[in-house]
Amino acid sequence: MSDSMKGVLRTGPYEWELPVGYVSGMRVPGRFFLSEALTGTLEEGALRQLANVATLPGIRCCSLAMPDIHWGYGFPIGGVGAFDLTEGVISPGGVGFDINCGVRLMATPLTEADLREKAAVIEELYRAVPTGVGARSTQRLGKNDLTTMLIDGARWAVEAGLGVERDLERCEGFGRMEEADASKVSAKALQRGLPQSGTLGAGNHFLELQVVDEVYDTKVAAAFGVEAGTVAVMIHCGSRGLGHQVCTDYIQVLEAATKRYGIALPDRQLACAPIDSPEGRAYFGAMAAAANYAWANRQAIMHRVRQVLGQRYGLSPEDLPLVYDVAHNIAKVEEHLVVSARERVCVHRKGATRAFGPGAPGLPTDLAPYGQPVIIPGSMGTPSFLLRGTDEAMSRTFGSTCHGAGRVMSRSGAKKHLAGAEVKEALQRDGILVRAPNDAAIAEEAPSVYKSSTEVVRVVHEVGLGRLVARLRPVGVIKG
């Protein structure tokens, strides 16, 4: 057992608790989900962050972390916290810098045999989707376009000819937060956002060609539009420089608000304000606008992918349907069962994904009997997974699960200890082609710097925070 687990109580096969008192000022316990095999990857700092979240005013039930838990900014990555709308707070540290970094999965009728010229396909996609630090879009947006995008999200992109109406039904929240307030987004954030819509960016963002190599639930897979042996496309990116700037701007605003409202914090990275304060409402409106930008961004990228595959294989957008688009790094007002009564709360998901169960509000009619599609990506050389949301998640984690595998090595450490060219060659020997702006981008996202996606998702399935539907094996990767 890892030394980081000192003082932690085991409450189930995969469930652990930080009791009130683990750090001074905790209002509720901390709770996280992890297999014993993964405890060796757990940082003491991440647990302290989980406990620190439990000190925030108005937190309900407990501070939560998913099986991908690791150290982050403010909240641990994989962290979830729900806050009372009257006494609770909102914190940029509970959302993150890449607001609505999220994942979308697109199905295709192609099989792996159709990818005989895989290198050429990857190269076409790489040219079609601007990638890397400072990548600039081929779209030419005016300020009015950007403002509308911040308000309408994915719908703006669809109405601009970058998708079809059905795409909106297959986005979490229909690809839009209605609370968006573009007037609360700074001029600097707008300036950064203008040239970046439709770009992948850098870091852990990616565009992957994957093969559905195992289906665990054929009925649900069919309802989601996924078939064994077919090729799928996964897109992982967020709100680019605009979202980063929104977070940067409001950390300063909320640091001042923390002092103004006399909120005592164990960590200044948890800077916050009452949800119903002028500062809290301003951040929420700007954050929602950045989230809408991210949905429009992923929609624009998918449109470019459809164009490339459509031209090469003679496919229409209807042949390339969106399975679903999920957000992480977001705060939303939702209604949940808290203790014994239903309450409206502000749920922060920091590196965590919504996993709403069957019949939950907001699901498309055709998906409601099965629960929300949940997408948990692996790393370049490890599988990704499609799951469905559950009633268990609704009752235990405010309808949340993990967003990925979780890092075990920093980006700087990865670049120091790994050679990108060697990682690329090893992946190619396994049949996975990688295209990136440079070798450093490959090294910092190597499979070995992440936990096992298979083990993380096994915990999610065993606990019931999501139920396995299908596994997807990477065959071609474009890294940001």
Protein backbone atom coordinates (compact mmCIF):
# COMPACT_ATOMS: atom_id res chain seq x y z
CA MET A 1 0.00 0.00 0.00
CA SER A 2 1.34 3.45 -0.90
CA ASP A 3 2.54 5.81 1.82
CA SER A 4 0.17 8.39 0.36
CA MET A 5 -2.74 6.35 1.76
CA LYS A 6 -1.84 7.08 5.38
CA GLY A 7 -4.95 8.22 7.28
CA VAL A 8 -7.28 7.01 4.51
CA LEU A 9 -10.19 4.73 5.39
CA ARG A 10 -11.18 1.88 3.10
CA THR A 11 -14.97 1.70 2.78
CA GLY A 12 -15.35 -0.80 -0.07
CA PRO A 13 -13.41 -2.89 -2.60
CA TYR A 14 -12.72 0.20 -4.72
CA GLU A 15 -13.85 3.01 -2.40
CA TRP A 16 -11.83 5.09 0.04
CA GLU A 17 -12.61 7.96 2.39
CA LEU A 18 -10.75 10.94 3.80
CA PRO A 19 -12.46 11.51 7.17
CA VAL A 20 -13.37 15.00 8.35
CA GLY A 21 -10.20 16.20 10.04
CA TYR A 22 -7.82 14.81 7.41
CA VAL A 23 -7.06 18.50 6.93
CA SER A 24 -8.29 21.29 9.15
CA GLY A 25 -11.62 22.88 8.26
CA MET A 26 -13.23 20.03 6.32
CA ARG A 27 -17.01 20.37 6.25
CA VAL A 28 -17.65 16.96 4.64
CA PRO A 29 -15.58 13.81 4.00
CA GLY A 30 -13.55 13.24 0.86
CA ARG A 31 -14.30 10.13 -1.17
CA PHE A 32 -12.44 8.54 -4.08
CA PHE A 33 -12.58 5.38 -6.16
CA LEU A 34 -9.46 3.35 -6.87
CA SER A 35 -8.30 -0.24 -7.16
CA GLU A 36 -5.48 -1.46 -4.95
CA ALA A 37 -3.37 -1.87 -8.09
CA LEU A 38 -3.68 1.86 -8.75
CA THR A 39 -2.87 3.09 -5.23
CA GLY A 40 0.82 3.16 -6.10
CA THR A 41 0.10 5.90 -8.65
CA LEU A 42 -1.66 8.13 -6.11
CA GLU A 43 0.06 11.35 -5.05
CA GLU A 44 -0.32 12.58 -1.49
CA GLY A 45 -0.75 16.07 -2.93
CA ALA A 46 -3.83 14.95 -4.87
CA LEU A 47 -5.43 13.62 -1.69
CA ARG A 48 -4.67 16.87 0.11
CA GLN A 49 -6.34 18.75 -2.74
CA LEU A 50 -9.38 16.46 -2.43
CA ALA A 51 -9.54 17.23 1.29
CA ASN A 52 -9.07 20.96 0.68
CA VAL A 53 -12.11 21.00 -1.60
CA ALA A 54 -14.12 19.62 1.31
CA THR A 55 -13.44 22.86 3.24
CA LEU A 56 -15.26 25.08 0.74
CA PRO A 57 -18.51 26.79 1.83
CA GLY A 58 -21.74 25.13 0.77
CA ILE A 59 -20.24 21.85 -0.40
CA ARG A 60 -22.84 19.07 -0.34
CA CYS A 61 -22.41 15.42 0.65
CA CYS A 62 -18.68 14.97 0.07
CA SER A 63 -15.70 15.96 -2.03
CA LEU A 64 -15.28 13.34 -4.76
CA ALA A 65 -12.51 12.06 -7.02
CA MET A 66 -12.67 9.52 -9.82
CA PRO A 67 -10.21 6.66 -10.56
CA ASP A 68 -8.06 8.96 -12.74
CA ILE A 69 -7.27 11.16 -9.72
CA HIS A 70 -3.99 13.07 -9.87
CA TRP A 71 -2.58 16.40 -8.80
CA GLY A 72 -4.00 19.47 -10.53
CA TYR A 73 -4.65 23.19 -10.02
CA GLY A 74 -6.98 23.77 -7.06
CA PHE A 75 -9.15 20.67 -7.33
CA PRO A 76 -7.39 17.39 -8.11
CA ILE A 77 -7.88 16.27 -11.68
CA GLY A 78 -10.72 13.78 -11.55
CA GLY A 79 -12.35 15.93 -8.86
CA VAL A 80 -16.08 16.56 -8.46
CA GLY A 81 -17.78 18.92 -6.03
CA ALA A 82 -21.44 20.00 -5.78
CA PHE A 83 -22.34 23.27 -4.07
CA ASP A 84 -25.53 24.70 -2.64
CA LEU A 85 -26.81 27.59 -4.76
CA THR A 86 -27.44 29.82 -1.74
CA GLU A 87 -24.46 29.24 0.51
CA GLY A 88 -22.06 27.62 -1.95
CA VAL A 89 -19.20 28.97 -4.04
CA ILE A 90 -17.91 28.68 -7.57
CA SER A 91 -14.19 28.28 -8.24
CA PRO A 92 -12.10 28.37 -11.45
CA GLY A 93 -9.84 25.82 -9.73
CA GLY A 94 -12.78 23.41 -9.87
CA VAL A 95 -13.15 23.85 -13.64
CA GLY A 96 -9.63 24.31 -14.94
CA PHE A 97 -7.82 26.42 -17.52
CA ASP A 98 -9.04 24.49 -20.58
CA ILE A 99 -12.74 25.11 -20.03
CA ASN A 100 -14.90 22.36 -21.57
CA CYS A 101 -11.98 20.33 -22.73
CA GLY A 102 -14.06 17.43 -23.97
CA VAL A 103 -14.28 14.38 -26.17
CA ARG A 104 -16.48 13.53 -29.14
CA LEU A 105 -16.76 10.21 -30.92
CA MET A 106 -17.84 9.87 -34.54
CA ALA A 107 -18.81 6.53 -36.09
CA THR A 108 -18.02 5.47 -39.66
CA PRO A 109 -19.06 2.55 -41.89
CA LEU A 110 -15.38 1.88 -42.71
CA THR A 111 -13.42 -1.15 -41.55
CA GLU A 112 -9.71 -1.44 -40.82
CA ALA A 113 -9.25 -2.98 -44.27
CA ASP A 114 -10.40 0.34 -45.76
CA LEU A 115 -7.39 2.02 -44.14
CA ARG A 116 -4.86 0.41 -46.47
CA GLU A 117 -3.51 3.89 -47.16
CA LYS A 118 -3.64 4.88 -43.51
CA ALA A 119 -0.55 7.09 -43.66
CA ALA A 120 -2.12 9.15 -46.46
CA VAL A 121 -5.39 9.48 -44.52
CA ILE A 122 -3.54 10.63 -41.40
CA GLU A 123 -1.58 13.15 -43.44
CA GLU A 124 -4.75 14.55 -45.03
CA LEU A 125 -6.37 14.94 -41.62
CA TYR A 126 -3.24 16.56 -40.24
CA ARG A 127 -3.31 19.14 -43.02
CA ALA A 128 -7.07 19.71 -42.61
CA VAL A 129 -7.06 20.33 -38.83
CA PRO A 130 -4.57 22.96 -37.61
CA THR A 131 -2.56 21.46 -34.77
CA GLY A 132 -0.03 22.53 -32.15
CA VAL A 133 0.76 25.53 -29.94
CA GLY A 134 -0.67 28.71 -31.45
CA ALA A 135 -2.38 26.88 -34.31
CA ARG A 136 -4.53 29.27 -36.35
CA SER A 137 -7.78 28.42 -38.08
CA THR A 138 -8.53 28.59 -41.78
CA GLN A 139 -11.93 30.00 -40.74
CA ARG A 140 -12.22 33.76 -40.93
CA LEU A 141 -14.35 34.97 -38.05
CA GLY A 142 -15.49 38.49 -37.31
CA LYS A 143 -16.26 39.74 -33.80
CA ASN A 144 -19.99 39.30 -34.39
CA ASP A 145 -19.41 35.67 -35.42
CA LEU A 146 -17.40 35.06 -32.27
CA THR A 147 -20.01 36.65 -30.03
CA THR A 148 -22.73 34.48 -31.56
CA MET A 149 -20.54 31.41 -31.16
CA LEU A 150 -20.08 32.18 -27.45
CA ILE A 151 -23.85 32.37 -27.01
CA ASP A 152 -25.02 29.53 -29.28
CA GLY A 153 -22.16 26.99 -29.08
CA ALA A 154 -22.41 24.01 -31.40
CA ARG A 155 -25.62 25.40 -32.94
CA TRP A 156 -23.62 28.32 -34.33
CA ALA A 157 -21.36 25.86 -36.13
CA VAL A 158 -24.25 23.79 -37.49
CA GLU A 159 -26.05 26.89 -38.76
CA ALA A 160 -22.78 28.01 -40.37
CA GLY A 161 -22.82 24.80 -42.43
CA LEU A 162 -20.38 22.86 -40.26
CA GLY A 163 -22.71 20.02 -39.33
CA VAL A 164 -26.22 18.63 -39.33
CA GLU A 165 -29.08 19.13 -36.91
CA ARG A 166 -28.75 15.63 -35.44
CA ASP A 167 -25.26 16.52 -34.22
CA LEU A 168 -26.79 18.83 -31.61
CA GLU A 169 -28.92 16.04 -30.17
CA ARG A 170 -25.79 13.99 -29.60
CA CYS A 171 -23.96 16.67 -27.60
CA GLU A 172 -24.14 16.95 -23.84
CA GLY A 173 -26.62 19.75 -23.16
CA PHE A 174 -27.17 19.96 -26.93
CA GLY A 175 -23.77 21.64 -27.21
CA ARG A 176 -24.73 24.81 -25.40
CA MET A 177 -24.91 26.38 -21.95
CA GLU A 178 -27.75 28.90 -21.88
CA GLU A 179 -26.11 30.84 -19.02
CA ALA A 180 -23.36 32.11 -21.34
CA ASP A 181 -22.69 35.85 -21.11
CA ALA A 182 -20.29 37.06 -23.81
CA SER A 183 -20.10 40.49 -22.18
CA LYS A 184 -18.16 38.92 -19.29
CA VAL A 185 -15.40 37.65 -21.59
CA SER A 186 -12.41 40.01 -21.72
CA ALA A 187 -11.13 41.68 -24.88
CA LYS A 188 -7.89 39.72 -24.53
CA ALA A 189 -9.77 36.40 -24.37
CA LEU A 190 -11.80 37.36 -27.45
CA GLN A 191 -8.62 38.30 -29.29
CA ARG A 192 -7.10 34.92 -28.50
CA GLY A 193 -10.25 33.12 -29.59
CA LEU A 194 -10.76 34.79 -32.96
CA PRO A 195 -8.10 32.83 -34.91
CA GLN A 196 -8.40 29.48 -33.10
CA SER A 197 -11.87 28.06 -33.78
CA GLY A 198 -11.52 24.72 -35.55
CA THR A 199 -8.01 24.02 -34.24
CA LEU A 200 -6.81 21.09 -32.17
CA GLY A 201 -4.24 22.87 -30.05
CA ALA A 202 -1.48 21.16 -28.07
CA GLY A 203 -0.89 19.22 -24.85
CA ASN A 204 -3.02 16.12 -24.44
CA HIS A 205 -5.38 17.06 -27.28
CA PHE A 206 -5.66 14.56 -30.11
CA LEU A 207 -7.55 13.30 -33.11
CA GLU A 208 -7.54 9.49 -33.37
CA LEU A 209 -8.60 6.87 -35.87
CA GLN A 210 -9.75 3.89 -33.81
CA VAL A 211 -11.16 0.44 -34.45
CA VAL A 212 -14.04 -0.88 -32.38
CA ASP A 213 -12.32 -4.12 -31.42
CA GLU A 214 -14.69 -5.36 -28.72
CA VAL A 215 -18.36 -4.81 -27.95
CA TYR A 216 -19.49 -5.66 -24.43
CA ASP A 217 -23.18 -4.74 -24.81
CA THR A 218 -24.49 -5.23 -28.34
CA LYS A 219 -27.93 -3.76 -27.66
CA VAL A 220 -26.59 -0.51 -26.22
CA ALA A 221 -23.80 -0.30 -28.81
CA ALA A 222 -26.40 -0.53 -31.58
CA ALA A 223 -28.48 2.20 -29.94
CA PHE A 224 -25.39 4.40 -29.73
CA GLY A 225 -24.52 3.66 -33.38
CA VAL A 226 -21.35 1.63 -32.80
CA GLU A 227 -20.54 -1.70 -34.50
CA ALA A 228 -17.69 -4.15 -33.90
CA GLY A 229 -14.94 -3.98 -36.50
CA THR A 230 -15.73 -0.49 -37.72
CA VAL A 231 -13.51 2.57 -37.66
CA ALA A 232 -14.37 5.47 -35.37
CA VAL A 233 -12.88 8.93 -34.96
CA MET A 234 -12.25 10.45 -31.53
CA ILE A 235 -11.60 14.18 -31.05
CA HIS A 236 -10.25 15.57 -27.77
CA CYS A 237 -9.84 19.33 -27.38
CA GLY A 238 -11.37 22.35 -25.66
CA SER A 239 -11.73 26.12 -25.66
CA ARG A 240 -8.14 26.90 -26.69
CA GLY A 241 -6.62 30.27 -25.73
CA LEU A 242 -10.00 31.87 -25.14
CA GLY A 243 -10.88 29.48 -22.31
CA HIS A 244 -7.39 29.69 -20.83
CA GLN A 245 -7.64 33.48 -20.75
CA VAL A 246 -11.10 33.39 -19.14
CA CYS A 247 -9.69 31.23 -16.36
CA THR A 248 -6.62 33.46 -15.96
CA ASP A 249 -8.75 36.60 -15.82
CA TYR A 250 -11.19 35.27 -13.24
CA ILE A 251 -8.61 33.71 -10.94
CA GLN A 252 -7.52 37.29 -10.25
CA VAL A 253 -11.10 38.49 -9.85
CA LEU A 254 -12.00 35.66 -7.49
CA GLU A 255 -8.81 35.93 -5.45
CA ALA A 256 -9.95 39.44 -4.57
CA ALA A 257 -13.51 38.21 -3.98
CA THR A 258 -12.27 35.51 -1.61
CA LYS A 259 -10.85 38.25 0.63
CA ARG A 260 -13.85 40.53 0.17
CA TYR A 261 -16.29 37.86 1.35
CA GLY A 262 -14.03 36.63 4.16
CA ILE A 263 -13.69 33.08 2.82
CA ALA A 264 -10.84 31.20 4.52
CA LEU A 265 -9.01 28.86 2.15
CA PRO A 266 -6.32 26.22 2.74
CA ASP A 267 -4.98 26.84 -0.78
CA ARG A 268 -5.14 30.07 -2.77
CA GLN A 269 -5.66 27.99 -5.94
CA LEU A 270 -9.21 27.44 -4.66
CA ALA A 271 -10.02 31.16 -5.07
CA CYS A 272 -13.80 31.42 -5.21
CA ALA A 273 -16.84 33.59 -4.73
CA PRO A 274 -20.42 32.91 -3.67
CA ILE A 275 -22.30 31.55 -6.65
CA ASP A 276 -24.92 34.27 -6.35
CA SER A 277 -22.44 37.14 -6.00
CA PRO A 278 -21.62 39.60 -8.81
CA GLU A 279 -18.18 38.01 -9.17
CA GLY A 280 -19.57 34.48 -9.10
CA ARG A 281 -22.23 35.27 -11.70
CA ALA A 282 -19.68 36.99 -13.94
CA TYR A 283 -17.29 34.02 -13.86
CA PHE A 284 -20.14 31.57 -14.47
CA GLY A 285 -21.31 33.56 -17.50
CA ALA A 286 -17.81 33.80 -18.96
CA MET A 287 -17.07 30.13 -18.24
CA ALA A 288 -20.31 29.09 -19.97
CA ALA A 289 -19.39 31.23 -22.99
CA ALA A 290 -15.99 29.53 -23.18
CA ALA A 291 -17.71 26.15 -22.91
CA ASN A 292 -19.88 27.08 -25.88
CA TYR A 293 -16.77 28.06 -27.84
CA ALA A 294 -15.35 24.59 -27.15
CA TRP A 295 -18.46 22.84 -28.45
CA ALA A 296 -18.34 24.93 -31.60
CA ASN A 297 -14.62 24.17 -31.91
CA ARG A 298 -15.10 20.39 -31.77
CA GLN A 299 -18.02 20.68 -34.21
CA ALA A 300 -15.81 22.57 -36.69
CA ILE A 301 -13.03 19.98 -36.36
CA MET A 302 -15.48 17.14 -36.96
CA HIS A 303 -16.72 18.92 -40.07
CA ARG A 304 -13.17 18.95 -41.47
CA VAL A 305 -12.80 15.24 -40.67
CA ARG A 306 -16.07 14.53 -42.47
CA GLN A 307 -14.83 16.45 -45.50
CA VAL A 308 -11.61 14.44 -45.67
CA LEU A 309 -13.28 11.05 -45.22
CA GLY A 310 -16.19 12.04 -47.42
CA GLN A 311 -13.96 12.96 -50.34
CA ARG A 312 -11.74 9.90 -49.98
CA TYR A 313 -14.47 7.29 -49.45
CA GLY A 314 -17.57 8.89 -50.98
CA LEU A 315 -19.37 9.33 -47.65
CA SER A 316 -21.99 11.86 -46.59
CA PRO A 317 -22.33 13.46 -43.12
CA GLU A 318 -25.21 11.06 -42.49
CA ASP A 319 -22.75 8.18 -43.06
CA LEU A 320 -20.48 9.67 -40.39
CA PRO A 321 -22.79 10.21 -37.40
CA LEU A 322 -21.76 11.73 -34.09
CA VAL A 323 -22.07 9.12 -31.33
CA TYR A 324 -21.80 11.70 -28.54
CA ASP A 325 -19.83 14.69 -27.26
CA VAL A 326 -19.03 14.91 -23.53
CA ALA A 327 -17.52 17.76 -21.56
CA HIS A 328 -15.03 17.79 -18.74
CA ASN A 329 -13.62 20.89 -17.01
CA ILE A 330 -16.97 22.55 -16.51
CA ALA A 331 -19.41 23.72 -13.83
CA LYS A 332 -23.15 23.23 -14.31
CA VAL A 333 -26.32 23.82 -12.35
CA GLU A 334 -28.13 20.49 -12.11
CA GLU A 335 -30.76 18.83 -9.97
CA HIS A 336 -29.60 15.84 -7.92
CA LEU A 337 -30.71 13.73 -4.99
CA VAL A 338 -28.75 15.03 -2.00
CA VAL A 339 -29.17 12.90 1.14
CA SER A 340 -32.96 12.43 0.92
CA ALA A 341 -34.25 15.34 -1.15
CA ARG A 342 -33.69 16.67 -4.66
CA GLU A 343 -31.72 19.90 -4.80
CA ARG A 344 -30.37 22.23 -7.46
CA VAL A 345 -26.61 22.39 -7.05
CA CYS A 346 -23.63 23.72 -8.98
CA VAL A 347 -21.57 20.66 -9.93
CA HIS A 348 -17.88 21.28 -10.66
CA ARG A 349 -16.27 18.56 -12.78
CA LYS A 350 -12.52 19.02 -13.03
CA GLY A 351 -11.17 16.35 -15.34
CA ALA A 352 -14.39 14.42 -14.75
CA THR A 353 -17.18 13.48 -17.15
CA ARG A 354 -20.94 13.54 -16.80
CA ALA A 355 -22.44 10.03 -16.65
CA PHE A 356 -26.21 10.54 -16.46
CA GLY A 357 -28.26 7.37 -16.09
CA PRO A 358 -31.35 6.08 -17.92
CA GLY A 359 -34.23 8.54 -18.04
CA ALA A 360 -32.13 11.48 -16.85
CA PRO A 361 -33.26 14.94 -17.99
CA GLY A 362 -31.78 16.25 -21.21
CA LEU A 363 -31.00 12.95 -22.90
CA PRO A 364 -32.23 12.45 -26.48
CA THR A 365 -35.38 10.33 -26.62
CA ASP A 366 -33.64 7.45 -28.40
CA LEU A 367 -30.87 7.28 -25.77
CA ALA A 368 -32.96 7.85 -22.63
CA PRO A 369 -33.66 4.11 -22.00
CA TYR A 370 -29.94 3.33 -21.92
CA GLY A 371 -28.32 6.31 -20.23
CA GLN A 372 -25.89 8.87 -21.57
CA PRO A 373 -22.97 7.72 -23.73
CA VAL A 374 -19.74 8.19 -21.75
CA ILE A 375 -16.37 8.43 -23.53
CA ILE A 376 -13.16 7.67 -21.63
CA PRO A 377 -10.06 7.99 -23.82
CA GLY A 378 -6.79 6.17 -23.31
CA SER A 379 -3.39 7.39 -24.44
CA MET A 380 -1.77 7.01 -27.87
CA GLY A 381 -1.02 3.31 -27.44
CA THR A 382 -3.81 2.21 -25.13
CA PRO A 383 -7.51 1.59 -25.74
CA SER A 384 -10.32 4.06 -25.26
CA PHE A 385 -13.74 3.04 -24.00
CA LEU A 386 -17.39 3.82 -24.63
CA LEU A 387 -19.65 3.33 -21.63
CA ARG A 388 -23.14 4.31 -20.59
CA GLY A 389 -24.17 6.40 -17.58
CA THR A 390 -25.90 4.73 -14.64
CA ASP A 391 -28.35 5.27 -11.80
CA GLU A 392 -25.44 4.40 -9.49
CA ALA A 393 -23.49 7.42 -10.73
CA MET A 394 -26.57 9.60 -10.26
CA SER A 395 -26.94 8.56 -6.63
CA ARG A 396 -23.26 8.44 -5.64
CA THR A 397 -21.27 10.97 -7.68
CA PHE A 398 -23.76 13.56 -8.91
CA GLY A 399 -23.88 11.73 -12.24
CA SER A 400 -20.11 11.78 -12.77
CA THR A 401 -17.26 9.48 -13.72
CA CYS A 402 -13.64 9.84 -14.83
CA HIS A 403 -12.50 11.60 -18.01
CA GLY A 404 -9.42 9.55 -18.91
CA ALA A 405 -6.63 7.41 -17.52
CA GLY A 406 -4.80 10.07 -15.49
CA ARG A 407 -1.14 11.04 -15.67
CA VAL A 408 1.60 9.43 -13.59
CA MET A 409 4.45 11.59 -14.96
CA SER A 410 4.59 15.33 -15.63
CA ARG A 411 5.08 16.65 -19.14
CA SER A 412 8.50 18.02 -18.24
CA GLY A 413 9.47 14.67 -16.71
CA ALA A 414 8.28 12.82 -19.81
CA LYS A 415 10.35 15.03 -22.11
CA LYS A 416 13.37 14.54 -19.86
CA HIS A 417 13.17 10.75 -19.67
CA LEU A 418 11.60 9.76 -23.01
CA ALA A 419 12.59 10.26 -26.63
CA GLY A 420 9.65 11.11 -28.87
CA ALA A 421 11.21 9.43 -31.90
CA GLU A 422 11.59 6.16 -29.98
CA VAL A 423 8.01 6.36 -28.71
CA LYS A 424 6.80 6.94 -32.27
CA GLU A 425 8.77 3.95 -33.60
CA ALA A 426 7.48 1.67 -30.82
CA LEU A 427 3.88 2.67 -31.59
CA GLN A 428 4.43 2.10 -35.30
CA ARG A 429 5.61 -1.44 -34.56
CA ASP A 430 2.25 -1.95 -32.86
CA GLY A 431 0.42 -0.70 -35.95
CA ILE A 432 -0.25 2.82 -34.63
CA LEU A 433 0.83 5.72 -36.83
CA VAL A 434 1.49 9.02 -35.04
CA ARG A 435 1.66 12.51 -36.56
CA ALA A 436 2.62 15.48 -34.38
CA PRO A 437 4.22 18.91 -34.76
CA ASN A 438 7.44 17.63 -33.14
CA ASP A 439 8.92 14.72 -31.19
CA ALA A 440 8.58 16.53 -27.85
CA ALA A 441 4.79 16.54 -28.30
CA ILE A 442 4.93 12.76 -28.65
CA ALA A 443 7.23 12.22 -25.66
CA GLU A 444 5.06 14.20 -23.24
CA GLU A 445 1.99 12.14 -24.14
CA ALA A 446 3.63 8.71 -24.34
CA PRO A 447 1.48 5.78 -23.15
CA SER A 448 3.82 5.14 -20.20
CA VAL A 449 3.12 8.55 -18.63
CA TYR A 450 -0.49 7.53 -18.00
CA LYS A 451 -2.21 5.00 -15.79
CA SER A 452 -3.62 1.90 -17.44
CA SER A 453 -6.84 2.97 -19.14
CA THR A 454 -8.06 -0.62 -18.93
CA GLU A 455 -7.60 -0.74 -15.14
CA VAL A 456 -9.12 2.70 -14.59
CA VAL A 457 -12.19 1.81 -16.64
CA ARG A 458 -12.45 -1.57 -14.89
CA VAL A 459 -12.87 0.31 -11.60
CA VAL A 460 -15.51 2.58 -13.15
CA HIS A 461 -17.41 -0.49 -14.37
CA GLU A 462 -17.07 -2.48 -11.13
CA VAL A 463 -18.20 0.44 -8.95
CA GLY A 464 -21.04 1.15 -11.37
CA LEU A 465 -20.16 4.73 -12.28
CA GLY A 466 -20.42 3.66 -15.91
CA ARG A 467 -21.10 0.36 -17.67
CA LEU A 468 -18.89 -0.88 -20.48
CA VAL A 469 -20.32 -0.76 -24.00
CA ALA A 470 -17.31 -1.00 -26.33
CA ARG A 471 -13.51 -0.83 -26.50
CA LEU A 472 -11.70 1.14 -29.20
CA ARG A 473 -8.11 0.43 -30.28
CA PRO A 474 -6.01 3.29 -31.73
CA VAL A 475 -4.58 2.83 -35.21
CA GLY A 476 -3.72 6.40 -36.17
CA VAL A 477 -3.08 9.41 -33.95
CA ILE A 478 -2.69 13.13 -34.54
CA LYS A 479 -1.23 14.79 -31.47
CA GLY A 480 -1.51 18.44 -30.57
